[in-house]
Amino acid sequence: MNYEALRHFADSWGLVFMTGVFLTLIGWTFRPGAGRSHHEAAHRIFDEDKNDV
């Protein structure tokens, strides 16, 4: 695979792949029911029972 072919692949399908990954991660963050997990993660530092490592 030469440079031109690799560049063409990255410009077309690489961009499509990275856009798909980005949209998947954004969708995963804002999925229904995720608020409880985000709240737990944000307040875990203040919970003394779970900090014993």
N, C-alpha and C. Protein backbone atom coordinates (compact mmCIF):
# COMPACT_ATOMS: atom_id res chain seq x y z
N MET A 1 0.86 -1.17 0.00
CA MET A 1 0.00 0.00 0.00
C MET A 1 0.90 1.23 0.00
N ASN A 2 0.76 2.06 -1.00
CA ASN A 2 1.59 3.26 -1.08
C ASN A 2 0.95 4.43 -0.34
N TYR A 3 1.66 5.54 -0.31
CA TYR A 3 1.21 6.70 0.45
C TYR A 3 -0.10 7.26 -0.10
N GLU A 4 -0.25 7.32 -1.40
CA GLU A 4 -1.46 7.89 -1.99
C GLU A 4 -2.70 7.07 -1.64
N ALA A 5 -2.58 5.75 -1.68
CA ALA A 5 -3.71 4.89 -1.35
C ALA A 5 -4.06 5.00 0.13
N LEU A 6 -3.04 5.05 0.97
CA LEU A 6 -3.27 5.19 2.40
C LEU A 6 -3.91 6.54 2.71
N ARG A 7 -3.46 7.58 2.04
CA ARG A 7 -4.02 8.92 2.25
C ARG A 7 -5.48 8.97 1.80
N HIS A 8 -5.79 8.35 0.68
CA HIS A 8 -7.17 8.32 0.20
C HIS A 8 -8.06 7.55 1.17
N PHE A 9 -7.58 6.43 1.69
CA PHE A 9 -8.34 5.65 2.66
C PHE A 9 -8.59 6.46 3.93
N ALA A 10 -7.58 7.13 4.43
CA ALA A 10 -7.72 7.92 5.65
C ALA A 10 -8.67 9.09 5.45
N ASP A 11 -8.63 9.71 4.28
CA ASP A 11 -9.51 10.85 4.00
C ASP A 11 -10.97 10.44 3.87
N SER A 12 -11.23 9.22 3.46
CA SER A 12 -12.62 8.81 3.26
C SER A 12 -13.11 7.92 4.40
N TRP A 13 -12.66 6.70 4.46
CA TRP A 13 -13.18 5.75 5.43
C TRP A 13 -12.67 6.00 6.84
N GLY A 14 -11.48 6.56 6.97
CA GLY A 14 -10.98 6.91 8.30
C GLY A 14 -11.84 7.97 8.96
N LEU A 15 -12.25 8.95 8.16
CA LEU A 15 -13.12 9.99 8.68
C LEU A 15 -14.49 9.43 9.07
N VAL A 16 -15.02 8.54 8.27
CA VAL A 16 -16.31 7.92 8.58
C VAL A 16 -16.19 7.11 9.88
N PHE A 17 -15.10 6.37 10.03
CA PHE A 17 -14.90 5.56 11.23
C PHE A 17 -14.79 6.45 12.47
N MET A 18 -13.97 7.49 12.40
CA MET A 18 -13.80 8.37 13.56
C MET A 18 -15.09 9.10 13.91
N THR A 19 -15.88 9.47 12.91
CA THR A 19 -17.17 10.10 13.18
C THR A 19 -18.11 9.12 13.87
N GLY A 20 -18.12 7.88 13.42
CA GLY A 20 -18.94 6.85 14.06
C GLY A 20 -18.55 6.61 15.51
N VAL A 21 -17.25 6.56 15.79
CA VAL A 21 -16.78 6.38 17.17
C VAL A 21 -17.19 7.57 18.02
N PHE A 22 -17.02 8.78 17.49
CA PHE A 22 -17.39 9.98 18.23
C PHE A 22 -18.88 9.98 18.57
N LEU A 23 -19.73 9.70 17.60
CA LEU A 23 -21.17 9.69 17.83
C LEU A 23 -21.58 8.59 18.81
N THR A 24 -20.91 7.45 18.74
CA THR A 24 -21.19 6.36 19.68
C THR A 24 -20.85 6.77 21.10
N LEU A 25 -19.71 7.40 21.30
CA LEU A 25 -19.31 7.82 22.65
C LEU A 25 -20.22 8.92 23.18
N ILE A 26 -20.64 9.84 22.34
CA ILE A 26 -21.57 10.88 22.76
C ILE A 26 -22.92 10.25 23.13
N GLY A 27 -23.38 9.32 22.31
CA GLY A 27 -24.64 8.63 22.60
C GLY A 27 -24.57 7.82 23.88
N TRP A 28 -23.42 7.20 24.14
CA TRP A 28 -23.25 6.40 25.36
C TRP A 28 -23.31 7.29 26.59
N THR A 29 -22.77 8.49 26.49
CA THR A 29 -22.76 9.42 27.62
C THR A 29 -24.16 9.89 27.96
N PHE A 30 -24.98 10.15 26.95
CA PHE A 30 -26.31 10.71 27.17
C PHE A 30 -27.43 9.67 27.08
N ARG A 31 -27.10 8.40 27.24
CA ARG A 31 -28.13 7.36 27.16
C ARG A 31 -29.06 7.46 28.36
N PRO A 32 -30.29 6.95 28.22
CA PRO A 32 -31.21 6.97 29.36
C PRO A 32 -30.67 6.11 30.51
N GLY A 33 -30.78 6.61 31.70
CA GLY A 33 -30.31 5.88 32.87
C GLY A 33 -28.86 6.11 33.21
N ALA A 34 -28.14 6.90 32.43
CA ALA A 34 -26.73 7.13 32.70
C ALA A 34 -26.52 8.15 33.80
N GLY A 35 -27.54 8.93 34.12
CA GLY A 35 -27.41 9.96 35.13
C GLY A 35 -27.02 9.43 36.48
N ARG A 36 -27.53 8.25 36.83
CA ARG A 36 -27.20 7.64 38.13
C ARG A 36 -25.71 7.28 38.17
N SER A 37 -25.19 6.73 37.09
CA SER A 37 -23.77 6.38 37.05
C SER A 37 -22.89 7.62 37.13
N HIS A 38 -23.29 8.68 36.43
CA HIS A 38 -22.52 9.93 36.47
C HIS A 38 -22.56 10.53 37.88
N HIS A 39 -23.70 10.47 38.52
CA HIS A 39 -23.84 11.00 39.87
C HIS A 39 -22.97 10.20 40.84
N GLU A 40 -22.97 8.89 40.71
CA GLU A 40 -22.14 8.04 41.57
C GLU A 40 -20.66 8.35 41.39
N ALA A 41 -20.23 8.49 40.14
CA ALA A 41 -18.82 8.77 39.87
C ALA A 41 -18.41 10.14 40.41
N ALA A 42 -19.30 11.10 40.30
CA ALA A 42 -18.97 12.45 40.75
C ALA A 42 -18.91 12.55 42.27
N HIS A 43 -19.67 11.72 42.97
CA HIS A 43 -19.73 11.83 44.43
C HIS A 43 -18.99 10.71 45.16
N ARG A 44 -18.33 9.85 44.42
CA ARG A 44 -17.62 8.72 45.04
C ARG A 44 -16.50 9.20 45.96
N ILE A 45 -15.87 10.30 45.63
CA ILE A 45 -14.76 10.80 46.44
C ILE A 45 -15.23 11.20 47.84
N PHE A 46 -16.49 11.56 47.98
CA PHE A 46 -17.01 11.99 49.27
C PHE A 46 -17.57 10.85 50.11
N ASP A 47 -17.69 9.66 49.54
CA ASP A 47 -18.23 8.51 50.24
C ASP A 47 -17.09 7.79 50.97
N GLU A 48 -17.07 7.86 52.28
CA GLU A 48 -15.95 7.31 53.04
C GLU A 48 -15.94 5.79 53.06
N ASP A 49 -17.07 5.13 52.90
CA ASP A 49 -17.11 3.68 52.92
C ASP A 49 -16.42 3.08 51.69
N LYS A 50 -16.56 3.71 50.55
CA LYS A 50 -15.99 3.19 49.31
C LYS A 50 -14.56 3.64 49.07
N ASN A 51 -14.02 4.55 49.89
CA ASN A 51 -12.67 5.04 49.69
C ASN A 51 -11.61 4.16 50.33
N ASP A 52 -11.99 3.17 51.11
CA ASP A 52 -11.02 2.29 51.77
C ASP A 52 -10.43 1.35 50.75
N VAL A 53 -9.24 1.65 50.28
CA VAL A 53 -8.60 0.81 49.26
C VAL A 53 -7.40 0.13 49.84
